[in-house]
Amino acid sequence: MDVRRYAPSPRAVDWGLFASVAVLLTTGVATMFTGTPSTAWVVDLHAIAGVVLVCLLPVKLWRVRRRVAPDRLTGRRLFSLLLAVDAAAALATGVWWIFGGSLDLGPWGLFHLHVGLGLLVPPLLLAHLRYRFHSPSSVTRRGRRDAIRYAGLVTAGALVWRLQGQVNDALDTAGADRRYTGSREEGSDAGNRFPVTSWVADDPDPVDAGDWRLTVTGRVESERTYTLDDVPTGTSEDAVLDCTSGWYSGHEWRGVGVGALLDAADVDDAARWVQFRSVTGYRWSLPLEAARGALLATHVDGERLSHGHGFPLRLVAPGRRGFQWVKWVEEVRVTRRRELGEWLAIFVSGL
């Protein structure tokens, strides 16, 4: 049987690779915000696009194998070969992660390596397309057949993604205990003994509890200032911290409800957002109603928060990813509009 008759046309393969990478990049970024079961489809789509790419990449490499022979390599072809190697490595590390693999790279791990390799693909691909771009119009001649083949590929990708869960369960791998976000469980119900991670560069010195103050400012009738002893700690909530580093951890958090702080300050009618600011300058905003349901935690599983986990106060925002759970909070600022600069602050605050 000649399997080549079932492969998409060369141009369709090229555009299929491009579409797969585009979906992988888009959904990969979107997974940073998938904190609720209703958004789990983003992770599923990311995985299905990965399976499609796994199927198409060998077809592409087989067709160009003669062009990348050592005696025919040029600078441009070497660059394209680098793209193929990086894409294959990103796929391999993703599959390895799904089936329970791990890798110790100091402060980083296998999941970080997968993300790093994946983020390297788009610039390499754009540089490759500069020399190898072809109009989609050249695909139309075999469009119907290619459409059917791609529908089959996507269906196969969905089936493979579904089956991997059963394989992981049968083999009882570390990959079997994954949340719908793809994260693995670490340190649940163990107090401060869960991973300490910081987004990008945040790494402040320990906060002096005597000097620290929490302020509630902005669109409020009465600004408030609290010492650590003034902060009430009577509100508890069970919530899962799901980190974009690839792990999740469930705990009982205790502290003060943000809604109580806002009520005490008497929020202005024009208020729409609540921003939580760290001693490092890191900050993140939640819509007013969502903020009212959040918690500023002083304790985790009955233990006072450690410095690494945000002492003296850490935002607990159920249903949101870990990078939004601001540590070392010193200000709650009520605003009418969201500050666009906070998107930059989360990347450079620690610097």
Protein backbone atom coordinates (compact mmCIF):
# COMPACT_ATOMS: atom_id res chain seq x y z
CA MET A 1 0.00 0.00 0.00
CA ASP A 2 1.35 3.39 -0.99
CA VAL A 3 0.84 5.65 2.05
CA ARG A 4 1.78 8.71 0.00
CA ARG A 5 -1.66 8.75 -1.60
CA TYR A 6 -3.14 9.46 1.85
CA ALA A 7 -0.78 12.35 2.63
CA PRO A 8 -1.91 15.94 1.98
CA SER A 9 -0.36 17.80 -0.94
CA PRO A 10 3.00 19.50 -0.28
CA ARG A 11 1.49 23.00 -0.06
CA ALA A 12 -1.30 21.73 2.17
CA VAL A 13 1.30 20.20 4.48
CA ASP A 14 3.09 23.55 4.67
CA TRP A 15 -0.08 25.43 5.51
CA GLY A 16 -1.14 22.70 7.91
CA LEU A 17 2.16 23.09 9.76
CA PHE A 18 1.68 26.85 9.87
CA ALA A 19 -1.90 26.51 11.17
CA SER A 20 -0.83 23.97 13.80
CA VAL A 21 1.94 26.22 15.09
CA ALA A 22 -0.44 29.19 15.16
CA VAL A 23 -3.00 27.23 17.17
CA LEU A 24 -0.32 25.86 19.51
CA LEU A 25 1.07 29.32 20.20
CA THR A 26 -2.36 30.91 20.70
CA THR A 27 -3.69 28.17 22.95
CA GLY A 28 -0.36 27.90 24.78
CA VAL A 29 -0.62 31.56 25.79
CA ALA A 30 -4.33 31.15 26.56
CA THR A 31 -3.64 28.27 28.97
CA MET A 32 -2.14 30.88 31.31
CA PHE A 33 -5.70 32.07 31.92
CA THR A 34 -7.59 28.75 31.94
CA GLY A 35 -8.47 28.51 35.60
CA THR A 36 -11.99 27.06 35.43
CA PRO A 37 -13.39 23.79 33.99
CA SER A 38 -15.35 25.75 31.37
CA THR A 39 -12.04 26.80 29.76
CA ALA A 40 -10.53 23.30 29.71
CA TRP A 41 -11.21 23.10 25.96
CA VAL A 42 -8.22 25.43 25.43
CA VAL A 43 -5.86 22.77 26.79
CA ASP A 44 -7.61 20.09 24.72
CA LEU A 45 -7.25 22.16 21.54
CA HIS A 46 -3.57 22.75 22.34
CA ALA A 47 -3.01 19.01 22.67
CA ILE A 48 -4.93 18.14 19.49
CA ALA A 49 -2.91 20.69 17.50
CA GLY A 50 0.22 19.08 18.91
CA VAL A 51 -0.87 15.65 17.67
CA VAL A 52 -1.58 17.07 14.21
CA LEU A 53 1.89 18.63 14.18
CA VAL A 54 3.41 15.29 15.20
CA CYS A 55 1.75 13.72 12.15
CA LEU A 56 2.68 16.45 9.67
CA LEU A 57 6.28 17.14 10.68
CA PRO A 58 7.63 13.70 9.61
CA VAL A 59 5.82 14.07 6.25
CA LYS A 60 7.48 17.44 5.70
CA LEU A 61 10.92 16.18 6.74
CA TRP A 62 10.63 13.14 4.47
CA ARG A 63 9.79 15.30 1.48
CA VAL A 64 12.72 17.68 2.03
CA ARG A 65 15.24 15.06 3.14
CA ARG A 66 17.35 15.45 -0.01
CA ARG A 67 17.51 19.24 0.35
CA VAL A 68 19.02 18.98 3.83
CA ALA A 69 21.63 16.39 2.94
CA PRO A 70 25.06 17.54 4.23
CA ASP A 71 26.38 18.24 0.73
CA ARG A 72 23.37 20.43 -0.17
CA LEU A 73 23.01 22.46 3.01
CA THR A 74 22.97 26.24 2.65
CA GLY A 75 22.64 28.89 5.31
CA ARG A 76 18.90 29.21 4.70
CA ARG A 77 18.36 25.45 4.74
CA LEU A 78 20.41 25.12 7.91
CA PHE A 79 18.14 27.71 9.51
CA SER A 80 15.07 25.77 8.37
CA LEU A 81 16.58 22.59 9.80
CA LEU A 82 17.02 24.40 13.12
CA LEU A 83 13.29 25.21 13.04
CA ALA A 84 12.46 21.53 12.51
CA VAL A 85 14.73 20.44 15.37
CA ASP A 86 13.25 23.02 17.74
CA ALA A 87 9.67 22.09 16.82
CA ALA A 88 10.44 18.39 17.30
CA ALA A 89 12.06 19.10 20.68
CA ALA A 90 9.04 21.15 21.80
CA LEU A 91 6.74 18.29 20.80
CA ALA A 92 8.94 15.67 22.50
CA THR A 93 9.11 17.57 25.79
CA GLY A 94 5.34 18.13 25.71
CA VAL A 95 4.67 14.41 25.18
CA TRP A 96 7.22 13.55 27.87
CA TRP A 97 5.44 15.87 30.30
CA ILE A 98 2.03 14.36 29.52
CA PHE A 99 3.32 10.87 30.30
CA GLY A 100 4.84 11.86 33.64
CA GLY A 101 8.36 12.86 32.67
CA SER A 102 10.48 15.26 34.72
CA LEU A 103 13.79 17.06 34.34
CA ASP A 104 15.82 19.00 36.88
CA LEU A 105 17.24 22.19 35.38
CA GLY A 106 17.92 24.04 38.62
CA PRO A 107 15.10 26.57 39.15
CA TRP A 108 13.46 25.28 35.96
CA GLY A 109 12.08 21.93 34.89
CA LEU A 110 10.73 19.94 31.96
CA PHE A 111 7.59 22.06 31.66
CA HIS A 112 9.65 25.27 31.46
CA LEU A 113 11.86 23.69 28.79
CA HIS A 114 8.76 22.78 26.77
CA VAL A 115 7.44 26.33 27.02
CA GLY A 116 10.81 27.84 26.10
CA LEU A 117 11.22 25.62 23.04
CA GLY A 118 7.65 26.38 22.00
CA LEU A 119 8.15 30.13 22.24
CA LEU A 120 11.24 29.82 20.06
CA VAL A 121 9.23 28.25 17.21
CA PRO A 122 7.31 31.38 16.02
CA PRO A 123 10.35 33.62 15.38
CA LEU A 124 12.15 30.76 13.64
CA LEU A 125 9.05 30.05 11.56
CA LEU A 126 8.62 33.69 10.54
CA ALA A 127 12.26 33.82 9.45
CA HIS A 128 11.76 30.58 7.50
CA LEU A 129 8.64 31.95 5.78
CA ARG A 130 10.59 34.95 4.62
CA TYR A 131 12.28 32.68 2.11
CA ARG A 132 9.77 29.86 1.72
CA PHE A 133 6.36 31.57 1.65
CA HIS A 134 3.77 30.28 -0.85
CA SER A 135 0.28 31.64 -1.43
CA PRO A 136 -2.63 29.49 -0.17
CA SER A 137 -4.05 29.70 -3.73
CA SER A 138 -1.60 27.00 -4.77
CA VAL A 139 -3.42 24.56 -2.47
CA THR A 140 -6.89 24.91 -3.97
CA ARG A 141 -6.47 22.34 -6.75
CA ARG A 142 -6.62 19.47 -4.27
CA GLY A 143 -8.58 21.36 -1.67
CA ARG A 144 -11.42 18.87 -1.19
CA ARG A 145 -9.16 15.87 -0.70
CA ASP A 146 -6.89 17.82 1.62
CA ALA A 147 -9.87 19.06 3.64
CA ILE A 148 -11.02 15.47 4.16
CA ARG A 149 -7.54 14.37 5.15
CA TYR A 150 -7.19 17.21 7.62
CA ALA A 151 -10.59 16.43 9.11
CA GLY A 152 -9.30 12.91 9.63
CA LEU A 153 -6.10 14.21 11.20
CA VAL A 154 -7.96 16.41 13.65
CA THR A 155 -10.32 13.56 14.54
CA ALA A 156 -7.34 11.24 15.07
CA GLY A 157 -5.70 13.92 17.22
CA ALA A 158 -8.79 14.13 19.43
CA LEU A 159 -8.88 10.32 19.79
CA VAL A 160 -5.18 10.12 20.64
CA TRP A 161 -5.58 12.87 23.23
CA ARG A 162 -8.51 10.99 24.75
CA LEU A 163 -6.63 7.69 24.81
CA GLN A 164 -3.52 9.14 26.47
CA GLY A 165 -5.52 9.65 29.67
CA GLN A 166 -6.47 5.96 29.73
CA VAL A 167 -2.86 4.95 29.03
CA ASN A 168 -1.60 7.14 31.87
CA ASP A 169 -4.20 5.67 34.22
CA ALA A 170 -3.32 2.11 33.19
CA LEU A 171 0.41 2.70 33.68
CA ASP A 172 -0.19 4.76 36.84
CA THR A 173 2.30 7.41 35.70
CA ALA A 174 2.79 10.85 37.21
CA GLY A 175 0.90 12.15 34.21
CA ALA A 176 -2.26 10.39 35.39
CA ASP A 177 -2.72 12.91 38.21
CA ARG A 178 -3.16 16.01 36.07
CA ARG A 179 -5.74 18.72 36.43
CA TYR A 180 -7.74 19.89 33.38
CA THR A 181 -5.09 22.62 32.99
CA GLY A 182 -2.39 19.97 32.58
CA SER A 183 -0.84 20.74 35.97
CA ARG A 184 0.31 18.03 38.39
CA GLU A 185 -0.51 17.97 42.10
CA GLU A 186 2.23 18.98 44.55
CA GLY A 187 2.02 19.65 48.28
CA SER A 188 -1.73 19.86 48.81
CA ASP A 189 -2.90 20.28 52.44
CA ALA A 190 0.73 20.47 53.62
CA GLY A 191 0.93 24.05 54.86
CA ASN A 192 3.85 25.97 53.39
CA ARG A 193 5.39 22.80 51.96
CA PHE A 194 4.36 23.34 48.36
CA PRO A 195 6.52 24.78 45.56
CA VAL A 196 7.81 28.33 45.92
CA THR A 197 7.75 30.05 42.54
CA SER A 198 7.78 33.68 41.46
CA TRP A 199 6.66 35.12 38.16
CA VAL A 200 9.71 36.22 36.13
CA ALA A 201 11.95 38.26 38.45
CA ASP A 202 10.11 38.90 41.74
CA ASP A 203 12.43 37.98 44.63
CA PRO A 204 12.19 40.58 47.44
CA ASP A 205 13.91 40.55 50.81
CA PRO A 206 11.72 39.33 53.69
CA VAL A 207 9.09 41.88 54.66
CA ASP A 208 9.50 43.51 58.09
CA ALA A 209 6.16 42.87 59.79
CA GLY A 210 6.59 45.88 62.06
CA ASP A 211 7.07 48.33 59.19
CA TRP A 212 4.57 46.77 56.80
CA ARG A 213 1.22 48.42 56.20
CA LEU A 214 -1.79 47.51 54.07
CA THR A 215 -3.61 50.43 52.51
CA VAL A 216 -6.98 50.54 50.75
CA THR A 217 -6.96 53.49 48.36
CA GLY A 218 -8.39 54.86 45.12
CA ARG A 219 -12.11 55.21 44.38
CA VAL A 220 -13.21 54.92 48.01
CA GLU A 221 -14.88 57.34 50.39
CA SER A 222 -12.56 56.53 53.28
CA GLU A 223 -9.00 55.31 52.68
CA ARG A 224 -7.85 52.72 55.21
CA THR A 225 -4.50 51.66 56.62
CA TYR A 226 -3.88 48.44 58.55
CA THR A 227 -0.94 47.03 60.47
CA LEU A 228 -0.46 43.26 60.43
CA ASP A 229 -2.09 43.01 63.87
CA ASP A 230 -5.08 44.99 62.58
CA VAL A 231 -5.80 42.60 59.71
CA PRO A 232 -8.70 40.31 60.68
CA THR A 233 -8.07 36.63 59.99
CA GLY A 234 -11.49 35.11 60.52
CA THR A 235 -12.35 34.20 56.92
CA SER A 236 -11.39 30.79 55.52
CA GLU A 237 -11.67 29.36 52.03
CA ASP A 238 -10.60 26.14 50.32
CA ALA A 239 -9.00 26.98 46.99
CA VAL A 240 -6.63 25.42 44.48
CA LEU A 241 -3.51 27.34 43.46
CA ASP A 242 -2.84 26.29 39.85
CA CYS A 243 0.55 27.60 38.75
CA THR A 244 1.57 28.17 35.14
CA SER A 245 4.80 26.34 36.04
CA GLY A 246 2.86 23.09 35.70
CA TRP A 247 1.75 22.22 39.23
CA TYR A 248 -1.32 22.74 41.39
CA SER A 249 -1.87 22.61 45.14
CA GLY A 250 -5.08 22.68 47.17
CA HIS A 251 -5.21 24.32 50.61
CA GLU A 252 -7.34 25.95 53.25
CA TRP A 253 -6.50 29.64 53.21
CA ARG A 254 -7.31 31.99 56.07
CA GLY A 255 -7.26 35.77 56.22
CA VAL A 256 -9.48 38.71 55.40
CA GLY A 257 -12.12 38.82 52.70
CA VAL A 258 -11.48 41.54 50.14
CA GLY A 259 -15.20 42.35 50.20
CA ALA A 260 -14.96 43.27 53.88
CA LEU A 261 -12.06 45.65 53.21
CA LEU A 262 -13.96 47.30 50.37
CA ASP A 263 -17.09 47.69 52.49
CA ALA A 264 -15.07 49.30 55.28
CA ALA A 265 -13.60 51.81 52.81
CA ASP A 266 -17.00 52.52 51.17
CA VAL A 267 -16.32 51.98 47.46
CA ASP A 268 -17.27 54.75 45.03
CA ASP A 269 -20.17 54.04 42.64
CA ALA A 270 -17.84 54.60 39.66
CA ALA A 271 -15.45 51.84 40.75
CA ARG A 272 -15.04 48.91 38.35
CA TRP A 273 -11.65 47.33 39.13
CA VAL A 274 -9.62 46.39 42.19
CA GLN A 275 -5.83 46.27 41.85
CA PHE A 276 -3.59 44.34 44.25
CA ARG A 277 -0.08 45.74 44.49
CA SER A 278 2.99 43.94 45.85
CA VAL A 279 5.95 45.45 47.67
CA THR A 280 7.92 44.64 44.50
CA GLY A 281 5.70 46.76 42.24
CA TYR A 282 4.06 43.66 40.78
CA ARG A 283 0.32 44.22 40.43
CA TRP A 284 -2.80 42.65 39.02
CA SER A 285 -6.43 43.76 38.80
CA LEU A 286 -9.70 41.89 39.17
CA PRO A 287 -13.18 43.11 38.22
CA LEU A 288 -14.89 44.58 41.26
CA GLU A 289 -17.38 41.75 41.76
CA ALA A 290 -14.71 39.08 41.32
CA ALA A 291 -12.47 40.91 43.80
CA ARG A 292 -15.23 40.91 46.40
CA GLY A 293 -15.10 37.12 46.37
CA ALA A 294 -11.31 36.98 46.77
CA LEU A 295 -9.30 36.60 49.97
CA LEU A 296 -6.11 38.18 51.28
CA ALA A 297 -4.54 35.25 53.10
CA THR A 298 -2.31 35.39 56.15
CA HIS A 299 -2.34 31.62 56.79
CA VAL A 300 -2.30 28.41 54.75
CA ASP A 301 -3.55 25.16 56.35
CA GLY A 302 -3.31 26.83 59.74
CA GLU A 303 0.29 27.99 59.31
CA ARG A 304 1.37 31.60 58.96
CA LEU A 305 2.41 32.18 55.36
CA SER A 306 6.15 31.88 54.80
CA HIS A 307 8.07 34.62 53.01
CA GLY A 308 8.31 32.55 49.83
CA HIS A 309 4.54 32.19 49.72
CA GLY A 310 3.80 35.87 50.20
CA PHE A 311 4.02 36.83 53.90
CA PRO A 312 2.38 38.88 55.24
CA LEU A 313 -0.52 38.85 52.72
CA ARG A 314 -1.16 36.91 49.54
CA LEU A 315 -4.13 37.25 47.23
CA VAL A 316 -6.21 34.09 46.88
CA ALA A 317 -8.28 34.29 43.69
CA PRO A 318 -10.16 31.00 43.09
CA GLY A 319 -10.52 30.04 39.45
CA ARG A 320 -7.50 32.10 38.34
CA ARG A 321 -3.96 30.98 37.55
CA GLY A 322 -1.15 31.37 40.05
CA PHE A 323 0.53 34.42 38.53
CA GLN A 324 -2.62 36.39 39.39
CA TRP A 325 -2.35 35.44 43.08
CA VAL A 326 -0.25 38.47 44.00
CA LYS A 327 2.26 37.92 46.83
CA TRP A 328 3.48 40.38 49.47
CA VAL A 329 0.42 42.59 49.02
CA GLU A 330 0.71 46.08 50.51
CA GLU A 331 -2.02 48.00 48.70
CA VAL A 332 -5.55 47.40 47.48
CA ARG A 333 -6.36 50.13 44.97
CA VAL A 334 -9.90 50.63 43.69
CA THR A 335 -10.07 52.13 40.19
CA ARG A 336 -12.52 53.05 37.48
CA ARG A 337 -10.32 51.71 34.67
CA ARG A 338 -7.78 48.95 34.59
CA GLU A 339 -4.17 50.08 34.50
CA LEU A 340 -2.67 48.85 31.23
CA GLY A 341 0.83 49.21 32.67
CA GLU A 342 0.31 46.22 34.95
CA TRP A 343 0.81 43.94 31.93
CA LEU A 344 4.35 45.30 31.73
CA ALA A 345 4.83 45.36 35.50
CA ILE A 346 4.36 41.61 35.86
CA PHE A 347 7.42 41.08 33.64
CA VAL A 348 9.79 43.73 35.01
CA SER A 349 8.67 44.42 38.59
CA GLY A 350 11.45 42.39 40.23
CA LEU A 351 14.07 44.27 38.21
